[in-house]
Amino acid sequence: MKLLLLEDDADTRDHVAKVLRAAGHVIDTCSNGPDAIFLGTSNSYGVLILDRMVPGVDGLSVLKALRSAGVLTPAIFLTAMDNVDDRVEGLETGADDYLVKPFAGSELLARVAALGRRPPIQDAVTRLSVADLEVDLLKRTVTRAGRRIDLQQQEYKLLEYLIRHAGEIVTRTMLLENVWSFHFDPGTNLIESHMSRLRAKVDRGFDRDLIHTVRNAGYRLDAET
């Protein structure tokens, strides 16, 4: 698989590249944000591996720029920033995974492989709808009753997961693992606050609610009252 690695520390960059190449991957490396944006928008990669603490244009800014340019390649932050708020911020920016330094090479390889196994979006359904709500998975746009709804990155990911499971109950654990890639409960109102903002945008001002709370179970998106 062809990978892009952004890492400004030469020793770390060489070590990570060596680990990945030993596993059979092809690696493009860069040490600064502008080069990462150029490479990410000019080439096709299986996974992006981004350091957050890069001088100048940092890893968060790189990923924001790539997502704004329509680059949907799975991305993993590889960083020393290890508190919960840092992880949440990284995932909300559009990352699919978050690995803290120091790390085991075997874990990095496993996470890269897991992201690389995700089917390309062009091979999947490109539009999903429930009632008058429509999500365009290629353009990453949302409309309801023909009206454009602007969502933040994590709000979009949350809605996409809900609409992919329309009519089903999705639990808090399912959302933490599949929307935030958390395999632990951060013990915050993370889901509730995002769900509240999403409902305000998707349901408020329309003739019926589509996002429902299922008491003691989770949430469900459907057209039933």
C-alpha atoms as a PDB file:
ATOM      1  CA  MET A   1       0.000   0.000   0.000  1.00  0.00           C
ATOM      2  CA  LYS A   2       1.215   3.515  -0.758  1.00  0.00           C
ATOM      3  CA  LEU A   3       1.368   5.740   2.325  1.00  0.00           C
ATOM      4  CA  LEU A   4       2.124   9.386   3.067  1.00  0.00           C
ATOM      5  CA  LEU A   5       4.121  10.129   6.222  1.00  0.00           C
ATOM      6  CA  LEU A   6       4.388  13.647   7.674  1.00  0.00           C
ATOM      7  CA  GLU A   7       7.025  13.820  10.433  1.00  0.00           C
ATOM      8  CA  ASP A   8       9.432  16.686  11.071  1.00  0.00           C
ATOM      9  CA  ASP A   9      11.872  14.762  13.306  1.00  0.00           C
ATOM     10  CA  ALA A  10      14.361  13.053  10.985  1.00  0.00           C
ATOM     11  CA  ASP A  11      15.134  10.126  13.292  1.00  0.00           C
ATOM     12  CA  THR A  12      11.466   9.368  13.932  1.00  0.00           C
ATOM     13  CA  ARG A  13      10.632   9.779  10.260  1.00  0.00           C
ATOM     14  CA  ASP A  14      13.374   7.350   9.212  1.00  0.00           C
ATOM     15  CA  HIS A  15      12.352   4.827  11.881  1.00  0.00           C
ATOM     16  CA  VAL A  16       8.655   4.889  10.983  1.00  0.00           C
ATOM     17  CA  ALA A  17       9.413   4.691   7.265  1.00  0.00           C
ATOM     18  CA  LYS A  18      11.731   1.727   7.882  1.00  0.00           C
ATOM     19  CA  VAL A  19       9.037  -0.124   9.857  1.00  0.00           C
ATOM     20  CA  LEU A  20       6.447   0.488   7.150  1.00  0.00           C
ATOM     21  CA  ARG A  21       8.732  -0.418   4.256  1.00  0.00           C
ATOM     22  CA  ALA A  22       9.752  -3.641   5.998  1.00  0.00           C
ATOM     23  CA  ALA A  23       6.064  -4.591   5.944  1.00  0.00           C
ATOM     24  CA  GLY A  24       5.935  -4.039   2.184  1.00  0.00           C
ATOM     25  CA  HIS A  25       4.458  -0.539   2.044  1.00  0.00           C
ATOM     26  CA  VAL A  26       5.605   2.214  -0.314  1.00  0.00           C
ATOM     27  CA  ILE A  27       6.238   5.450   1.585  1.00  0.00           C
ATOM     28  CA  ASP A  28       6.327   9.096   0.552  1.00  0.00           C
ATOM     29  CA  THR A  29       7.783  11.190   3.382  1.00  0.00           C
ATOM     30  CA  CYS A  30       7.773  14.900   4.100  1.00  0.00           C
ATOM     31  CA  SER A  31       8.808  17.109   6.989  1.00  0.00           C
ATOM     32  CA  ASN A  32       6.475  20.104   6.699  1.00  0.00           C
ATOM     33  CA  GLY A  33       2.809  20.920   6.226  1.00  0.00           C
ATOM     34  CA  PRO A  34       2.861  22.563   2.784  1.00  0.00           C
ATOM     35  CA  ASP A  35       4.654  19.565   1.267  1.00  0.00           C
ATOM     36  CA  ALA A  36       2.145  17.212   2.896  1.00  0.00           C
ATOM     37  CA  ILE A  37      -0.770  19.179   1.438  1.00  0.00           C
ATOM     38  CA  PHE A  38       0.842  19.188  -1.996  1.00  0.00           C
ATOM     39  CA  LEU A  39       1.547  15.450  -1.942  1.00  0.00           C
ATOM     40  CA  GLY A  40      -1.835  14.611  -0.430  1.00  0.00           C
ATOM     41  CA  THR A  41      -3.726  16.477  -3.125  1.00  0.00           C
ATOM     42  CA  SER A  42      -1.478  15.353  -5.994  1.00  0.00           C
ATOM     43  CA  ASN A  43      -1.244  11.620  -5.321  1.00  0.00           C
ATOM     44  CA  SER A  44      -3.432   8.708  -4.330  1.00  0.00           C
ATOM     45  CA  TYR A  45      -2.597   7.087  -0.974  1.00  0.00           C
ATOM     46  CA  GLY A  46      -4.065   4.239   1.005  1.00  0.00           C
ATOM     47  CA  VAL A  47      -3.483   5.914   4.395  1.00  0.00           C
ATOM     48  CA  LEU A  48      -2.116   9.254   5.629  1.00  0.00           C
ATOM     49  CA  ILE A  49       0.131   9.188   8.727  1.00  0.00           C
ATOM     50  CA  LEU A  50       0.453  12.671  10.204  1.00  0.00           C
ATOM     51  CA  ASP A  51       2.423  14.121  13.091  1.00  0.00           C
ATOM     52  CA  ARG A  52       0.477  16.891  14.838  1.00  0.00           C
ATOM     53  CA  MET A  53       3.326  18.996  16.192  1.00  0.00           C
ATOM     54  CA  VAL A  54       4.935  20.149  12.951  1.00  0.00           C
ATOM     55  CA  PRO A  55       6.283  23.725  12.902  1.00  0.00           C
ATOM     56  CA  GLY A  56       4.364  26.207  10.784  1.00  0.00           C
ATOM     57  CA  VAL A  57       1.456  24.404   9.164  1.00  0.00           C
ATOM     58  CA  ASP A  58       0.772  21.693  11.742  1.00  0.00           C
ATOM     59  CA  GLY A  59      -0.816  18.299  11.259  1.00  0.00           C
ATOM     60  CA  LEU A  60      -4.312  19.474  12.169  1.00  0.00           C
ATOM     61  CA  SER A  61      -4.135  22.237   9.575  1.00  0.00           C
ATOM     62  CA  VAL A  62      -2.834  19.778   6.991  1.00  0.00           C
ATOM     63  CA  LEU A  63      -5.751  17.422   7.517  1.00  0.00           C
ATOM     64  CA  LYS A  64      -8.279  20.271   7.463  1.00  0.00           C
ATOM     65  CA  ALA A  65      -6.833  21.454   4.150  1.00  0.00           C
ATOM     66  CA  LEU A  66      -6.932  17.968   2.656  1.00  0.00           C
ATOM     67  CA  ARG A  67     -10.499  17.340   3.781  1.00  0.00           C
ATOM     68  CA  SER A  68     -11.556  20.731   2.409  1.00  0.00           C
ATOM     69  CA  ALA A  69      -9.964  19.746  -0.901  1.00  0.00           C
ATOM     70  CA  GLY A  70     -12.084  16.594  -0.980  1.00  0.00           C
ATOM     71  CA  VAL A  71      -9.329  14.167   0.003  1.00  0.00           C
ATOM     72  CA  LEU A  72     -11.102  11.395   1.911  1.00  0.00           C
ATOM     73  CA  THR A  73      -8.088   9.120   2.395  1.00  0.00           C
ATOM     74  CA  PRO A  74      -8.113   7.502   5.874  1.00  0.00           C
ATOM     75  CA  ALA A  75      -5.763   9.367   8.211  1.00  0.00           C
ATOM     76  CA  ILE A  76      -4.035   8.518  11.473  1.00  0.00           C
ATOM     77  CA  PHE A  77      -2.367  11.008  13.772  1.00  0.00           C
ATOM     78  CA  LEU A  78       0.956   9.776  15.168  1.00  0.00           C
ATOM     79  CA  THR A  79       1.789  12.200  17.962  1.00  0.00           C
ATOM     80  CA  ALA A  80       3.041  12.778  21.488  1.00  0.00           C
ATOM     81  CA  MET A  81      -0.102  14.798  22.330  1.00  0.00           C
ATOM     82  CA  ASP A  82      -1.848  12.223  24.468  1.00  0.00           C
ATOM     83  CA  ASN A  83      -4.635  13.705  26.561  1.00  0.00           C
ATOM     84  CA  VAL A  84      -8.313  13.100  25.833  1.00  0.00           C
ATOM     85  CA  ASP A  85      -8.944  16.632  24.558  1.00  0.00           C
ATOM     86  CA  ASP A  86      -6.084  16.257  22.065  1.00  0.00           C
ATOM     87  CA  ARG A  87      -7.522  12.966  20.812  1.00  0.00           C
ATOM     88  CA  VAL A  88     -11.009  14.411  20.501  1.00  0.00           C
ATOM     89  CA  GLU A  89      -9.687  17.449  18.635  1.00  0.00           C
ATOM     90  CA  GLY A  90      -7.740  15.261  16.229  1.00  0.00           C
ATOM     91  CA  LEU A  91     -10.662  12.978  15.495  1.00  0.00           C
ATOM     92  CA  GLU A  92     -13.059  15.900  15.098  1.00  0.00           C
ATOM     93  CA  THR A  93     -10.712  17.400  12.526  1.00  0.00           C
ATOM     94  CA  GLY A  94     -11.277  14.355  10.347  1.00  0.00           C
ATOM     95  CA  ALA A  95      -8.731  11.764  11.470  1.00  0.00           C
ATOM     96  CA  ASP A  96      -9.824   8.133  11.501  1.00  0.00           C
ATOM     97  CA  ASP A  97      -7.400   6.997  14.199  1.00  0.00           C
ATOM     98  CA  TYR A  98      -4.972   8.388  16.761  1.00  0.00           C
ATOM     99  CA  LEU A  99      -1.773   6.701  17.996  1.00  0.00           C
ATOM    100  CA  VAL A 100       0.337   8.200  20.759  1.00  0.00           C
ATOM    101  CA  LYS A 101       4.140   8.194  20.823  1.00  0.00           C
ATOM    102  CA  PRO A 102       6.028   6.177  21.911  1.00  0.00           C
ATOM    103  CA  PHE A 103       4.334   3.362  20.033  1.00  0.00           C
ATOM    104  CA  ALA A 104       4.996  -0.235  19.060  1.00  0.00           C
ATOM    105  CA  GLY A 105       5.742  -0.783  15.389  1.00  0.00           C
ATOM    106  CA  SER A 106       3.400  -3.786  15.373  1.00  0.00           C
ATOM    107  CA  GLU A 107       0.497  -1.612  16.584  1.00  0.00           C
ATOM    108  CA  LEU A 108       1.157   1.024  13.929  1.00  0.00           C
ATOM    109  CA  LEU A 109       1.207  -1.668  11.234  1.00  0.00           C
ATOM    110  CA  ALA A 110      -2.037  -3.162  12.547  1.00  0.00           C
ATOM    111  CA  ARG A 111      -3.815   0.203  12.564  1.00  0.00           C
ATOM    112  CA  VAL A 112      -2.559   1.104   9.091  1.00  0.00           C
ATOM    113  CA  ALA A 113      -3.717  -2.278   7.809  1.00  0.00           C
ATOM    114  CA  ALA A 114      -7.146  -1.815   9.400  1.00  0.00           C
ATOM    115  CA  LEU A 115      -7.607   1.588   7.774  1.00  0.00           C
ATOM    116  CA  GLY A 116      -6.342   0.257   4.461  1.00  0.00           C
ATOM    117  CA  ARG A 117      -8.979  -2.469   4.454  1.00  0.00           C
ATOM    118  CA  ARG A 118     -11.812   0.054   4.376  1.00  0.00           C
ATOM    119  CA  PRO A 119     -13.519  -0.062   0.987  1.00  0.00           C
ATOM    120  CA  PRO A 120     -12.994   2.999  -1.218  1.00  0.00           C
ATOM    121  CA  ILE A 121     -15.983   5.276  -1.015  1.00  0.00           C
ATOM    122  CA  GLN A 122     -16.460   5.183  -4.795  1.00  0.00           C
ATOM    123  CA  ASP A 123     -17.128   1.439  -4.560  1.00  0.00           C
ATOM    124  CA  ALA A 124     -19.935   1.957  -2.090  1.00  0.00           C
ATOM    125  CA  VAL A 125     -23.333   3.604  -2.172  1.00  0.00           C
ATOM    126  CA  THR A 126     -22.832   7.308  -2.839  1.00  0.00           C
ATOM    127  CA  ARG A 127     -26.152   8.698  -1.577  1.00  0.00           C
ATOM    128  CA  LEU A 128     -28.225   7.805   1.467  1.00  0.00           C
ATOM    129  CA  SER A 129     -31.622   9.228   2.360  1.00  0.00           C
ATOM    130  CA  VAL A 130     -34.338   9.011   4.982  1.00  0.00           C
ATOM    131  CA  ALA A 131     -37.577  10.852   4.245  1.00  0.00           C
ATOM    132  CA  ASP A 132     -36.502  14.307   2.970  1.00  0.00           C
ATOM    133  CA  LEU A 133     -32.975  14.061   4.426  1.00  0.00           C
ATOM    134  CA  GLU A 134     -30.210  13.208   1.953  1.00  0.00           C
ATOM    135  CA  VAL A 135     -26.481  12.661   2.470  1.00  0.00           C
ATOM    136  CA  ASP A 136     -24.136  12.735  -0.528  1.00  0.00           C
ATOM    137  CA  LEU A 137     -21.199  10.559   0.525  1.00  0.00           C
ATOM    138  CA  LEU A 138     -18.930  11.698  -2.290  1.00  0.00           C
ATOM    139  CA  LYS A 139     -19.450  15.433  -1.905  1.00  0.00           C
ATOM    140  CA  ARG A 140     -19.973  15.062   1.867  1.00  0.00           C
ATOM    141  CA  THR A 141     -22.996  17.347   1.680  1.00  0.00           C
ATOM    142  CA  VAL A 142     -26.295  17.158   3.548  1.00  0.00           C
ATOM    143  CA  THR A 143     -29.680  18.504   2.480  1.00  0.00           C
ATOM    144  CA  ARG A 144     -33.156  18.316   3.946  1.00  0.00           C
ATOM    145  CA  ALA A 145     -36.230  19.255   1.958  1.00  0.00           C
ATOM    146  CA  GLY A 146     -33.808  20.702  -0.596  1.00  0.00           C
ATOM    147  CA  ARG A 147     -32.166  22.967   1.976  1.00  0.00           C
ATOM    148  CA  ARG A 148     -28.394  22.720   2.448  1.00  0.00           C
ATOM    149  CA  ILE A 149     -27.308  21.842   5.996  1.00  0.00           C
ATOM    150  CA  ASP A 150     -23.749  22.759   6.935  1.00  0.00           C
ATOM    151  CA  LEU A 151     -22.156  20.364   9.410  1.00  0.00           C
ATOM    152  CA  GLN A 152     -18.819  20.278  11.187  1.00  0.00           C
ATOM    153  CA  GLN A 153     -16.571  17.312  10.406  1.00  0.00           C
ATOM    154  CA  GLN A 154     -17.567  15.232  13.426  1.00  0.00           C
ATOM    155  CA  GLU A 155     -21.245  16.124  13.079  1.00  0.00           C
ATOM    156  CA  TYR A 156     -21.100  14.826   9.513  1.00  0.00           C
ATOM    157  CA  LYS A 157     -19.430  11.583  10.613  1.00  0.00           C
ATOM    158  CA  LEU A 158     -22.079  11.132  13.297  1.00  0.00           C
ATOM    159  CA  LEU A 159     -24.926  11.694  10.846  1.00  0.00           C
ATOM    160  CA  GLU A 160     -23.326   9.402   8.278  1.00  0.00           C
ATOM    161  CA  TYR A 161     -23.126   6.602  10.830  1.00  0.00           C
ATOM    162  CA  LEU A 162     -26.732   7.133  11.883  1.00  0.00           C
ATOM    163  CA  ILE A 163     -28.072   7.172   8.326  1.00  0.00           C
ATOM    164  CA  ARG A 164     -26.043   4.096   7.375  1.00  0.00           C
ATOM    165  CA  HIS A 165     -27.893   2.378  10.229  1.00  0.00           C
ATOM    166  CA  ALA A 166     -31.260   4.026   9.615  1.00  0.00           C
ATOM    167  CA  GLY A 167     -34.067   2.344  11.520  1.00  0.00           C
ATOM    168  CA  GLU A 168     -31.620   0.616  13.870  1.00  0.00           C
ATOM    169  CA  ILE A 169     -30.787   1.468  17.460  1.00  0.00           C
ATOM    170  CA  VAL A 170     -27.167   2.573  17.780  1.00  0.00           C
ATOM    171  CA  THR A 171     -25.665   2.512  21.246  1.00  0.00           C
ATOM    172  CA  ARG A 172     -23.220   4.897  22.896  1.00  0.00           C
ATOM    173  CA  THR A 173     -20.492   2.250  22.600  1.00  0.00           C
ATOM    174  CA  MET A 174     -21.143   1.850  18.868  1.00  0.00           C
ATOM    175  CA  LEU A 175     -20.856   5.604  18.357  1.00  0.00           C
ATOM    176  CA  LEU A 176     -17.660   5.934  20.426  1.00  0.00           C
ATOM    177  CA  GLU A 177     -15.979   3.099  18.532  1.00  0.00           C
ATOM    178  CA  ASN A 178     -17.170   3.875  15.007  1.00  0.00           C
ATOM    179  CA  VAL A 179     -17.441   7.666  14.950  1.00  0.00           C
ATOM    180  CA  TRP A 180     -14.650   8.634  17.341  1.00  0.00           C
ATOM    181  CA  SER A 181     -12.508   5.441  17.186  1.00  0.00           C
ATOM    182  CA  PHE A 182     -12.538   5.368  20.993  1.00  0.00           C
ATOM    183  CA  HIS A 183     -12.324   1.915  22.521  1.00  0.00           C
ATOM    184  CA  PHE A 184     -12.912   3.426  25.929  1.00  0.00           C
ATOM    185  CA  ASP A 185     -15.482   5.792  27.407  1.00  0.00           C
ATOM    186  CA  PRO A 186     -13.868   9.207  27.996  1.00  0.00           C
ATOM    187  CA  GLY A 187     -16.474   9.863  30.667  1.00  0.00           C
ATOM    188  CA  THR A 188     -17.691  13.112  29.122  1.00  0.00           C
ATOM    189  CA  ASN A 189     -20.869  14.302  27.422  1.00  0.00           C
ATOM    190  CA  LEU A 190     -19.062  14.076  24.071  1.00  0.00           C
ATOM    191  CA  ILE A 191     -21.841  12.179  22.301  1.00  0.00           C
ATOM    192  CA  GLU A 192     -24.665  14.097  23.894  1.00  0.00           C
ATOM    193  CA  SER A 193     -23.258  17.521  22.987  1.00  0.00           C
ATOM    194  CA  HIS A 194     -22.614  16.512  19.369  1.00  0.00           C
ATOM    195  CA  MET A 195     -26.028  14.882  19.098  1.00  0.00           C
ATOM    196  CA  SER A 196     -27.691  18.026  20.437  1.00  0.00           C
ATOM    197  CA  ARG A 197     -25.945  20.205  17.842  1.00  0.00           C
ATOM    198  CA  LEU A 198     -26.739  17.727  15.076  1.00  0.00           C
ATOM    199  CA  ARG A 199     -30.412  17.631  15.996  1.00  0.00           C
ATOM    200  CA  ALA A 200     -30.579  21.427  16.037  1.00  0.00           C
ATOM    201  CA  LYS A 201     -29.364  21.465  12.433  1.00  0.00           C
ATOM    202  CA  VAL A 202     -31.159  18.406  11.043  1.00  0.00           C
ATOM    203  CA  ASP A 203     -34.527  18.536  12.824  1.00  0.00           C
ATOM    204  CA  ARG A 204     -35.191  22.085  14.024  1.00  0.00           C
ATOM    205  CA  GLY A 205     -37.502  23.986  11.706  1.00  0.00           C
ATOM    206  CA  PHE A 206     -38.810  20.904   9.901  1.00  0.00           C
ATOM    207  CA  ASP A 207     -42.191  19.241  10.231  1.00  0.00           C
ATOM    208  CA  ARG A 208     -40.953  16.140  12.056  1.00  0.00           C
ATOM    209  CA  ASP A 209     -37.917  14.868  13.895  1.00  0.00           C
ATOM    210  CA  LEU A 210     -35.766  12.191  12.313  1.00  0.00           C
ATOM    211  CA  ILE A 211     -33.248  11.639  15.121  1.00  0.00           C
ATOM    212  CA  HIS A 212     -34.783   9.922  18.142  1.00  0.00           C
ATOM    213  CA  THR A 213     -33.507   9.008  21.595  1.00  0.00           C
ATOM    214  CA  VAL A 214     -34.302   5.440  22.582  1.00  0.00           C
ATOM    215  CA  ARG A 215     -34.501   5.434  26.360  1.00  0.00           C
ATOM    216  CA  ASN A 216     -31.812   3.344  28.057  1.00  0.00           C
ATOM    217  CA  ALA A 217     -30.625   2.093  24.682  1.00  0.00           C
ATOM    218  CA  GLY A 218     -29.200   4.778  22.395  1.00  0.00           C
ATOM    219  CA  TYR A 219     -30.347   6.633  19.306  1.00  0.00           C
ATOM    220  CA  ARG A 220     -32.202   5.873  16.084  1.00  0.00           C
ATOM    221  CA  LEU A 221     -32.600   7.799  12.843  1.00  0.00           C
ATOM    222  CA  ASP A 222     -35.804   7.126  10.942  1.00  0.00           C
ATOM    223  CA  ALA A 223     -38.978   8.784   9.723  1.00  0.00           C
ATOM    224  CA  GLU A 224     -41.220   7.179  12.347  1.00  0.00           C
ATOM    225  CA  THR A 225     -42.599   9.405  15.088  1.00  0.00           C
END
